[in-house]
Amino acid sequence: MKKNTPGPAATAVLVVLRGQPDPVGIGALAQILRKHPNTLREQIAWLLRNGFIRRVAAPSEGRGRPAWLYEATTAPDPQETYADLAAELAWQIVSKSAEPLQDALHAGRHWGDRVARDAAPTGPGPAARAAVV
């Protein structure tokens, strides 16, 4: 099961990045944290995958690919996260189901029924409102 909070090593990287005014390269992170750059790659990858940081290309200086710089983000956008989850669930249904359309409709109806049930009014009904009016 995937954790959605960073472990201690990834948290250390995130703390450093949040304290930087500009995006930072992996070499600078390694110096600040006194770790080898290869040691940090796993934590950086996890933070990227989970939306805690983003990477930007460093300004190009001559030939070759520019280096990646990293910066902390605000918390992941819940709407984008839910859209990603919906896309992943749809992909799973399409790739695993013998009847993907029927299974998707069934899941949507089941979810919609639950949302409607949870949103049902809990206070006085129309009769009480009519009596007040």
C-alpha atoms as a PDB file:
ATOM      1  CA  MET A   1       0.000   0.000   0.000  1.00  0.00           C
ATOM      2  CA  LYS A   2       1.299   3.432  -0.959  1.00  0.00           C
ATOM      3  CA  LYS A   3       1.996   5.947   1.805  1.00  0.00           C
ATOM      4  CA  ASN A   4       0.824   9.483   1.210  1.00  0.00           C
ATOM      5  CA  THR A   5       3.155  11.109   3.721  1.00  0.00           C
ATOM      6  CA  PRO A   6       6.898  11.302   3.202  1.00  0.00           C
ATOM      7  CA  GLY A   7       9.252   9.278   5.352  1.00  0.00           C
ATOM      8  CA  PRO A   8      12.043  10.917   7.368  1.00  0.00           C
ATOM      9  CA  ALA A   9      14.563  11.063   4.499  1.00  0.00           C
ATOM     10  CA  ALA A  10      12.046  12.552   2.044  1.00  0.00           C
ATOM     11  CA  THR A  11      10.840  14.971   4.731  1.00  0.00           C
ATOM     12  CA  ALA A  12      14.410  16.231   5.173  1.00  0.00           C
ATOM     13  CA  VAL A  13      14.623  16.925   1.427  1.00  0.00           C
ATOM     14  CA  LEU A  14      11.244  18.667   1.491  1.00  0.00           C
ATOM     15  CA  VAL A  15      12.219  20.850   4.469  1.00  0.00           C
ATOM     16  CA  VAL A  16      15.372  21.985   2.666  1.00  0.00           C
ATOM     17  CA  LEU A  17      13.465  22.742  -0.543  1.00  0.00           C
ATOM     18  CA  ARG A  18      10.806  24.714   1.318  1.00  0.00           C
ATOM     19  CA  GLY A  19      13.567  26.844   2.792  1.00  0.00           C
ATOM     20  CA  GLN A  20      15.070  27.747  -0.591  1.00  0.00           C
ATOM     21  CA  PRO A  21      14.031  30.950  -2.384  1.00  0.00           C
ATOM     22  CA  ASP A  22      14.785  29.430  -5.815  1.00  0.00           C
ATOM     23  CA  PRO A  23      14.787  25.945  -7.363  1.00  0.00           C
ATOM     24  CA  VAL A  24      17.823  23.871  -6.338  1.00  0.00           C
ATOM     25  CA  GLY A  25      19.823  21.190  -8.142  1.00  0.00           C
ATOM     26  CA  ILE A  26      20.483  17.750  -6.748  1.00  0.00           C
ATOM     27  CA  GLY A  27      24.145  18.636  -6.183  1.00  0.00           C
ATOM     28  CA  ALA A  28      23.221  21.552  -3.925  1.00  0.00           C
ATOM     29  CA  LEU A  29      20.697  19.390  -2.080  1.00  0.00           C
ATOM     30  CA  ALA A  30      23.358  16.755  -1.554  1.00  0.00           C
ATOM     31  CA  GLN A  31      25.749  19.345  -0.099  1.00  0.00           C
ATOM     32  CA  ILE A  32      23.124  20.828   2.212  1.00  0.00           C
ATOM     33  CA  LEU A  33      21.979  17.425   3.451  1.00  0.00           C
ATOM     34  CA  ARG A  34      25.492  15.941   3.418  1.00  0.00           C
ATOM     35  CA  LYS A  35      24.313  12.997   1.326  1.00  0.00           C
ATOM     36  CA  HIS A  36      25.448  11.560  -1.984  1.00  0.00           C
ATOM     37  CA  PRO A  37      23.211  12.677  -4.900  1.00  0.00           C
ATOM     38  CA  ASN A  38      22.341   9.043  -5.693  1.00  0.00           C
ATOM     39  CA  THR A  39      21.090   8.636  -2.121  1.00  0.00           C
ATOM     40  CA  LEU A  40      18.639  11.504  -2.648  1.00  0.00           C
ATOM     41  CA  ARG A  41      17.203  10.328  -5.968  1.00  0.00           C
ATOM     42  CA  GLU A  42      14.687   7.934  -4.394  1.00  0.00           C
ATOM     43  CA  GLN A  43      13.354  10.599  -2.039  1.00  0.00           C
ATOM     44  CA  ILE A  44      13.161  13.140  -4.862  1.00  0.00           C
ATOM     45  CA  ALA A  45      11.306  10.655  -7.075  1.00  0.00           C
ATOM     46  CA  TRP A  46       8.789   9.944  -4.294  1.00  0.00           C
ATOM     47  CA  LEU A  47       8.240  13.653  -3.620  1.00  0.00           C
ATOM     48  CA  LEU A  48       7.742  14.300  -7.348  1.00  0.00           C
ATOM     49  CA  ARG A  49       5.259  11.414  -7.750  1.00  0.00           C
ATOM     50  CA  ASN A  50       3.216  12.612  -4.814  1.00  0.00           C
ATOM     51  CA  GLY A  51       3.129  16.291  -5.782  1.00  0.00           C
ATOM     52  CA  PHE A  52       5.211  17.688  -2.923  1.00  0.00           C
ATOM     53  CA  ILE A  53       7.873  19.073  -5.276  1.00  0.00           C
ATOM     54  CA  ARG A  54       8.211  19.881  -8.960  1.00  0.00           C
ATOM     55  CA  ARG A  55      11.192  19.968 -11.251  1.00  0.00           C
ATOM     56  CA  VAL A  56      12.144  22.659 -13.718  1.00  0.00           C
ATOM     57  CA  ALA A  57      14.904  22.698 -16.295  1.00  0.00           C
ATOM     58  CA  ALA A  58      17.929  24.774 -15.336  1.00  0.00           C
ATOM     59  CA  PRO A  59      18.847  27.543 -17.748  1.00  0.00           C
ATOM     60  CA  SER A  60      20.844  26.032 -20.590  1.00  0.00           C
ATOM     61  CA  GLU A  61      24.568  26.674 -20.515  1.00  0.00           C
ATOM     62  CA  GLY A  62      26.062  25.410 -23.732  1.00  0.00           C
ATOM     63  CA  ARG A  63      25.725  21.922 -25.123  1.00  0.00           C
ATOM     64  CA  GLY A  64      23.923  18.982 -23.581  1.00  0.00           C
ATOM     65  CA  ARG A  65      20.737  18.607 -21.646  1.00  0.00           C
ATOM     66  CA  PRO A  66      20.051  21.134 -18.922  1.00  0.00           C
ATOM     67  CA  ALA A  67      20.086  19.874 -15.352  1.00  0.00           C
ATOM     68  CA  TRP A  68      16.882  19.533 -13.343  1.00  0.00           C
ATOM     69  CA  LEU A  69      16.189  21.900 -10.493  1.00  0.00           C
ATOM     70  CA  TYR A  70      13.698  21.110  -7.734  1.00  0.00           C
ATOM     71  CA  GLU A  71      11.341  23.274  -5.715  1.00  0.00           C
ATOM     72  CA  ALA A  72       8.646  22.624  -3.130  1.00  0.00           C
ATOM     73  CA  THR A  73       5.045  23.001  -4.208  1.00  0.00           C
ATOM     74  CA  THR A  74       1.996  23.833  -2.251  1.00  0.00           C
ATOM     75  CA  ALA A  75      -0.112  20.829  -1.293  1.00  0.00           C
ATOM     76  CA  PRO A  76      -1.297  18.782  -4.270  1.00  0.00           C
ATOM     77  CA  ASP A  77      -4.506  20.108  -5.861  1.00  0.00           C
ATOM     78  CA  PRO A  78      -7.339  17.864  -4.599  1.00  0.00           C
ATOM     79  CA  GLN A  79      -9.307  18.254  -7.842  1.00  0.00           C
ATOM     80  CA  GLU A  80      -6.308  17.172  -9.897  1.00  0.00           C
ATOM     81  CA  THR A  81      -5.665  14.292  -7.510  1.00  0.00           C
ATOM     82  CA  TYR A  82      -9.274  13.086  -7.787  1.00  0.00           C
ATOM     83  CA  ALA A  83      -9.160  13.416 -11.572  1.00  0.00           C
ATOM     84  CA  ASP A  84      -6.003  11.286 -11.607  1.00  0.00           C
ATOM     85  CA  LEU A  85      -7.707   8.715  -9.381  1.00  0.00           C
ATOM     86  CA  ALA A  86     -10.780   8.631 -11.640  1.00  0.00           C
ATOM     87  CA  ALA A  87      -8.585   8.148 -14.703  1.00  0.00           C
ATOM     88  CA  GLU A  88      -6.679   5.328 -13.003  1.00  0.00           C
ATOM     89  CA  LEU A  89      -9.902   3.609 -11.946  1.00  0.00           C
ATOM     90  CA  ALA A  90     -11.314   3.929 -15.464  1.00  0.00           C
ATOM     91  CA  TRP A  91      -8.124   2.451 -16.907  1.00  0.00           C
ATOM     92  CA  GLN A  92      -8.342  -0.465 -14.473  1.00  0.00           C
ATOM     93  CA  ILE A  93     -11.955  -1.156 -15.457  1.00  0.00           C
ATOM     94  CA  VAL A  94     -11.145  -1.018 -19.173  1.00  0.00           C
ATOM     95  CA  SER A  95      -8.048  -3.190 -18.877  1.00  0.00           C
ATOM     96  CA  LYS A  96      -9.418  -5.810 -16.463  1.00  0.00           C
ATOM     97  CA  SER A  97     -13.156  -6.055 -17.101  1.00  0.00           C
ATOM     98  CA  ALA A  98     -14.923  -8.307 -19.582  1.00  0.00           C
ATOM     99  CA  GLU A  99     -17.723  -5.673 -19.749  1.00  0.00           C
ATOM    100  CA  PRO A 100     -16.064  -2.321 -18.990  1.00  0.00           C
ATOM    101  CA  LEU A 101     -19.026  -0.105 -19.937  1.00  0.00           C
ATOM    102  CA  GLN A 102     -21.449  -2.069 -17.744  1.00  0.00           C
ATOM    103  CA  ASP A 103     -18.984  -2.165 -14.843  1.00  0.00           C
ATOM    104  CA  ALA A 104     -18.304   1.580 -15.126  1.00  0.00           C
ATOM    105  CA  LEU A 105     -22.035   2.363 -15.197  1.00  0.00           C
ATOM    106  CA  HIS A 106     -22.618   0.108 -12.190  1.00  0.00           C
ATOM    107  CA  ALA A 107     -19.784   1.791 -10.246  1.00  0.00           C
ATOM    108  CA  GLY A 108     -21.081   5.257 -11.179  1.00  0.00           C
ATOM    109  CA  ARG A 109     -24.626   4.446 -10.099  1.00  0.00           C
ATOM    110  CA  HIS A 110     -23.416   2.910  -6.850  1.00  0.00           C
ATOM    111  CA  TRP A 111     -21.302   5.983  -6.091  1.00  0.00           C
ATOM    112  CA  GLY A 112     -24.142   8.357  -7.103  1.00  0.00           C
ATOM    113  CA  ASP A 113     -26.634   6.552  -4.836  1.00  0.00           C
ATOM    114  CA  ARG A 114     -24.239   6.907  -1.911  1.00  0.00           C
ATOM    115  CA  VAL A 115     -23.628  10.602  -2.615  1.00  0.00           C
ATOM    116  CA  ALA A 116     -27.375  11.250  -2.865  1.00  0.00           C
ATOM    117  CA  ARG A 117     -28.048   9.320   0.345  1.00  0.00           C
ATOM    118  CA  ASP A 118     -25.312  11.223   2.192  1.00  0.00           C
ATOM    119  CA  ALA A 119     -26.617  14.567   0.887  1.00  0.00           C
ATOM    120  CA  ALA A 120     -30.255  13.896   1.873  1.00  0.00           C
ATOM    121  CA  PRO A 121     -31.689  16.597   4.116  1.00  0.00           C
ATOM    122  CA  THR A 122     -31.631  15.667   7.789  1.00  0.00           C
ATOM    123  CA  GLY A 123     -33.757  18.503   9.203  1.00  0.00           C
ATOM    124  CA  PRO A 124     -37.502  19.139   9.095  1.00  0.00           C
ATOM    125  CA  GLY A 125     -39.140  18.222   5.820  1.00  0.00           C
ATOM    126  CA  PRO A 126     -41.544  20.084   3.524  1.00  0.00           C
ATOM    127  CA  ALA A 127     -44.489  19.802   5.958  1.00  0.00           C
ATOM    128  CA  ALA A 128     -42.610  21.719   8.649  1.00  0.00           C
ATOM    129  CA  ARG A 129     -41.595  24.378   6.121  1.00  0.00           C
ATOM    130  CA  ALA A 130     -45.186  24.716   4.894  1.00  0.00           C
ATOM    131  CA  ALA A 131     -46.446  25.158   8.465  1.00  0.00           C
ATOM    132  CA  VAL A 132     -43.941  27.972   9.093  1.00  0.00           C
ATOM    133  CA  VAL A 133     -44.854  29.761   5.861  1.00  0.00           C
END
